[in-house]
Amino acid sequence: MKTPGNFGEALREYREAKGWTQEKRSEESGVDQATISAIEVRKSGRSRYSAQLARALGTTVEEMIFGTDDISPQSREVD
């Protein structure tokens, strides 16, 4: 389970659960790969890119930080 309030850690966990590289994440979100890398290693609560990055993963910032333990791609599917 991710540490509440650590957006960078949650971003990495969600990205890895989707099987995405930082480069793929950059393509999907429009956020530079170096910026994604910096966010993932910081211990910050949010970034100005948080909403944009969460949206590309099909989730919200709040769910990424405080949400579910099940972050597998199958759990993100909507019937």
N, C-alpha and C. Protein backbone atom coordinates (compact mmCIF):
# COMPACT_ATOMS: atom_id res chain seq x y z
N MET A 1 0.84 -1.19 0.00
CA MET A 1 0.00 0.00 0.00
C MET A 1 0.87 1.24 0.00
N LYS A 2 0.50 2.23 -0.78
CA LYS A 2 1.28 3.44 -0.87
C LYS A 2 1.14 4.30 0.39
N THR A 3 2.13 5.13 0.63
CA THR A 3 2.11 6.05 1.75
C THR A 3 1.16 7.19 1.43
N PRO A 4 0.13 7.43 2.25
CA PRO A 4 -0.78 8.53 1.97
C PRO A 4 -0.02 9.85 1.85
N GLY A 5 -0.37 10.63 0.84
CA GLY A 5 0.23 11.92 0.65
C GLY A 5 1.48 11.92 -0.21
N ASN A 6 1.95 10.77 -0.65
CA ASN A 6 3.16 10.71 -1.46
C ASN A 6 2.79 10.47 -2.91
N PHE A 7 2.55 11.55 -3.64
CA PHE A 7 2.12 11.44 -5.03
C PHE A 7 3.17 10.78 -5.91
N GLY A 8 4.43 11.13 -5.71
CA GLY A 8 5.50 10.56 -6.53
C GLY A 8 5.56 9.05 -6.44
N GLU A 9 5.46 8.52 -5.24
CA GLU A 9 5.46 7.07 -5.04
C GLU A 9 4.23 6.44 -5.68
N ALA A 10 3.08 7.07 -5.49
CA ALA A 10 1.85 6.55 -6.09
C ALA A 10 1.93 6.56 -7.61
N LEU A 11 2.51 7.63 -8.17
CA LEU A 11 2.65 7.72 -9.62
C LEU A 11 3.49 6.56 -10.15
N ARG A 12 4.60 6.28 -9.48
CA ARG A 12 5.45 5.17 -9.90
C ARG A 12 4.71 3.85 -9.80
N GLU A 13 4.00 3.61 -8.70
CA GLU A 13 3.26 2.37 -8.52
C GLU A 13 2.19 2.19 -9.60
N TYR A 14 1.43 3.22 -9.88
CA TYR A 14 0.39 3.13 -10.91
C TYR A 14 1.01 2.91 -12.29
N ARG A 15 2.10 3.63 -12.58
CA ARG A 15 2.77 3.48 -13.87
C ARG A 15 3.28 2.05 -14.05
N GLU A 16 3.92 1.51 -13.02
CA GLU A 16 4.45 0.16 -13.10
C GLU A 16 3.33 -0.88 -13.19
N ALA A 17 2.21 -0.64 -12.50
CA ALA A 17 1.07 -1.57 -12.55
C ALA A 17 0.50 -1.66 -13.97
N LYS A 18 0.60 -0.57 -14.72
CA LYS A 18 0.15 -0.57 -16.12
C LYS A 18 1.21 -1.14 -17.05
N GLY A 19 2.41 -1.37 -16.53
CA GLY A 19 3.49 -1.87 -17.36
C GLY A 19 4.11 -0.80 -18.24
N TRP A 20 3.94 0.46 -17.86
CA TRP A 20 4.44 1.57 -18.65
C TRP A 20 5.84 1.98 -18.19
N THR A 21 6.67 2.38 -19.14
CA THR A 21 7.93 3.03 -18.83
C THR A 21 7.64 4.51 -18.58
N GLN A 22 8.63 5.23 -18.08
CA GLN A 22 8.44 6.67 -17.93
C GLN A 22 8.25 7.32 -19.29
N GLU A 23 8.90 6.78 -20.31
CA GLU A 23 8.75 7.33 -21.66
C GLU A 23 7.31 7.16 -22.16
N LYS A 24 6.74 5.98 -21.95
CA LYS A 24 5.34 5.74 -22.35
C LYS A 24 4.42 6.68 -21.58
N ARG A 25 4.69 6.83 -20.31
CA ARG A 25 3.90 7.72 -19.46
C ARG A 25 3.96 9.15 -19.99
N SER A 26 5.13 9.55 -20.44
CA SER A 26 5.31 10.88 -21.00
C SER A 26 4.48 11.05 -22.27
N GLU A 27 4.51 10.05 -23.14
CA GLU A 27 3.72 10.10 -24.38
C GLU A 27 2.23 10.21 -24.08
N GLU A 28 1.75 9.45 -23.11
CA GLU A 28 0.32 9.42 -22.78
C GLU A 28 -0.16 10.69 -22.09
N SER A 29 0.71 11.33 -21.33
CA SER A 29 0.28 12.49 -20.54
C SER A 29 0.70 13.83 -21.13
N GLY A 30 1.71 13.83 -21.99
CA GLY A 30 2.22 15.09 -22.50
C GLY A 30 3.16 15.79 -21.53
N VAL A 31 3.55 15.10 -20.46
CA VAL A 31 4.49 15.64 -19.48
C VAL A 31 5.86 15.07 -19.79
N ASP A 32 6.88 15.92 -19.79
CA ASP A 32 8.24 15.52 -20.12
C ASP A 32 8.71 14.36 -19.22
N GLN A 33 9.43 13.42 -19.80
CA GLN A 33 9.92 12.25 -19.06
C GLN A 33 10.80 12.64 -17.88
N ALA A 34 11.64 13.64 -18.05
CA ALA A 34 12.50 14.10 -16.96
C ALA A 34 11.67 14.63 -15.79
N THR A 35 10.56 15.29 -16.11
CA THR A 35 9.67 15.79 -15.06
C THR A 35 9.03 14.63 -14.32
N ILE A 36 8.59 13.62 -15.05
CA ILE A 36 7.99 12.44 -14.42
C ILE A 36 9.01 11.78 -13.50
N SER A 37 10.24 11.63 -13.97
CA SER A 37 11.29 11.04 -13.14
C SER A 37 11.49 11.83 -11.86
N ALA A 38 11.55 13.15 -11.98
CA ALA A 38 11.74 14.00 -10.80
C ALA A 38 10.58 13.87 -9.83
N ILE A 39 9.37 13.81 -10.32
CA ILE A 39 8.19 13.66 -9.45
C ILE A 39 8.24 12.33 -8.72
N GLU A 40 8.61 11.27 -9.43
CA GLU A 40 8.63 9.93 -8.83
C GLU A 40 9.66 9.80 -7.71
N VAL A 41 10.76 10.53 -7.76
CA VAL A 41 11.77 10.40 -6.73
C VAL A 41 11.58 11.37 -5.57
N ARG A 42 10.77 12.39 -5.77
CA ARG A 42 10.50 13.35 -4.69
C ARG A 42 9.51 12.75 -3.70
N LYS A 43 9.55 13.25 -2.51
CA LYS A 43 8.60 12.85 -1.46
C LYS A 43 7.58 13.97 -1.26
N SER A 44 6.98 14.42 -2.35
CA SER A 44 6.03 15.53 -2.28
C SER A 44 4.60 15.03 -2.38
N GLY A 45 3.70 15.83 -1.87
CA GLY A 45 2.30 15.47 -1.89
C GLY A 45 1.67 15.61 -3.26
N ARG A 46 2.05 16.63 -3.99
CA ARG A 46 1.48 16.89 -5.31
C ARG A 46 2.49 17.62 -6.19
N SER A 47 2.12 17.71 -7.44
CA SER A 47 2.89 18.45 -8.44
C SER A 47 1.89 19.25 -9.26
N ARG A 48 2.36 20.25 -9.94
CA ARG A 48 1.43 20.99 -10.81
C ARG A 48 0.93 20.12 -11.95
N TYR A 49 1.58 18.99 -12.18
CA TYR A 49 1.18 18.05 -13.22
C TYR A 49 0.33 16.89 -12.68
N SER A 50 0.02 16.89 -11.41
CA SER A 50 -0.68 15.76 -10.79
C SER A 50 -1.96 15.36 -11.52
N ALA A 51 -2.84 16.31 -11.77
CA ALA A 51 -4.12 15.99 -12.41
C ALA A 51 -3.91 15.44 -13.81
N GLN A 52 -3.01 16.04 -14.56
CA GLN A 52 -2.72 15.61 -15.92
C GLN A 52 -2.16 14.18 -15.93
N LEU A 53 -1.26 13.87 -15.02
CA LEU A 53 -0.67 12.54 -14.94
C LEU A 53 -1.69 11.50 -14.48
N ALA A 54 -2.50 11.84 -13.50
CA ALA A 54 -3.52 10.91 -13.02
C ALA A 54 -4.55 10.63 -14.11
N ARG A 55 -4.98 11.66 -14.81
CA ARG A 55 -5.97 11.50 -15.88
C ARG A 55 -5.48 10.53 -16.95
N ALA A 56 -4.21 10.63 -17.34
CA ALA A 56 -3.66 9.73 -18.35
C ALA A 56 -3.65 8.28 -17.87
N LEU A 57 -3.60 8.08 -16.56
CA LEU A 57 -3.67 6.73 -15.99
C LEU A 57 -5.10 6.27 -15.76
N GLY A 58 -6.07 7.15 -16.02
CA GLY A 58 -7.47 6.80 -15.85
C GLY A 58 -7.93 6.83 -14.41
N THR A 59 -7.35 7.72 -13.61
CA THR A 59 -7.70 7.80 -12.21
C THR A 59 -7.67 9.26 -11.76
N THR A 60 -7.79 9.49 -10.48
CA THR A 60 -7.71 10.83 -9.91
C THR A 60 -6.52 10.91 -8.97
N VAL A 61 -6.09 12.12 -8.69
CA VAL A 61 -5.00 12.33 -7.74
C VAL A 61 -5.38 11.77 -6.38
N GLU A 62 -6.60 12.05 -5.95
CA GLU A 62 -7.05 11.60 -4.64
C GLU A 62 -7.02 10.08 -4.53
N GLU A 63 -7.48 9.40 -5.58
CA GLU A 63 -7.46 7.94 -5.55
C GLU A 63 -6.03 7.41 -5.56
N MET A 64 -5.16 8.07 -6.29
CA MET A 64 -3.77 7.63 -6.32
C MET A 64 -3.12 7.75 -4.96
N ILE A 65 -3.40 8.83 -4.25
CA ILE A 65 -2.75 9.08 -2.98
C ILE A 65 -3.42 8.32 -1.83
N PHE A 66 -4.73 8.28 -1.81
CA PHE A 66 -5.44 7.73 -0.66
C PHE A 66 -6.27 6.49 -0.98
N GLY A 67 -6.37 6.15 -2.28
CA GLY A 67 -7.36 5.19 -2.75
C GLY A 67 -7.11 3.73 -2.45
N THR A 68 -7.40 2.95 -3.42
CA THR A 68 -7.48 1.50 -3.32
C THR A 68 -6.11 0.84 -3.27
N ASP A 69 -6.06 -0.35 -2.69
CA ASP A 69 -4.85 -1.17 -2.69
C ASP A 69 -4.69 -1.88 -4.02
N ASP A 70 -5.79 -2.09 -4.76
CA ASP A 70 -5.76 -2.83 -6.02
C ASP A 70 -5.57 -1.85 -7.17
N ILE A 71 -4.34 -1.76 -7.67
CA ILE A 71 -4.06 -0.83 -8.76
C ILE A 71 -3.76 -1.56 -10.05
N SER A 72 -4.15 -2.82 -10.11
CA SER A 72 -3.92 -3.59 -11.34
C SER A 72 -4.77 -3.02 -12.47
N PRO A 73 -4.32 -3.16 -13.72
CA PRO A 73 -5.11 -2.62 -14.84
C PRO A 73 -6.53 -3.17 -14.87
N GLN A 74 -6.74 -4.40 -14.47
CA GLN A 74 -8.08 -4.97 -14.48
C GLN A 74 -9.01 -4.27 -13.50
N SER A 75 -8.48 -3.78 -12.39
CA SER A 75 -9.32 -3.08 -11.41
C SER A 75 -9.75 -1.72 -11.92
N ARG A 76 -9.11 -1.19 -12.95
CA ARG A 76 -9.42 0.11 -13.50
C ARG A 76 -10.48 0.04 -14.57
N GLU A 77 -10.84 -1.15 -15.02
CA GLU A 77 -11.81 -1.30 -16.10
C GLU A 77 -13.21 -1.00 -15.63
N VAL A 78 -13.99 -0.39 -16.51
CA VAL A 78 -15.39 -0.07 -16.21
C VAL A 78 -16.26 -0.96 -17.07
N ASP A 79 -17.26 -1.57 -16.44
CA ASP A 79 -18.18 -2.44 -17.20
C ASP A 79 -19.15 -1.64 -18.03
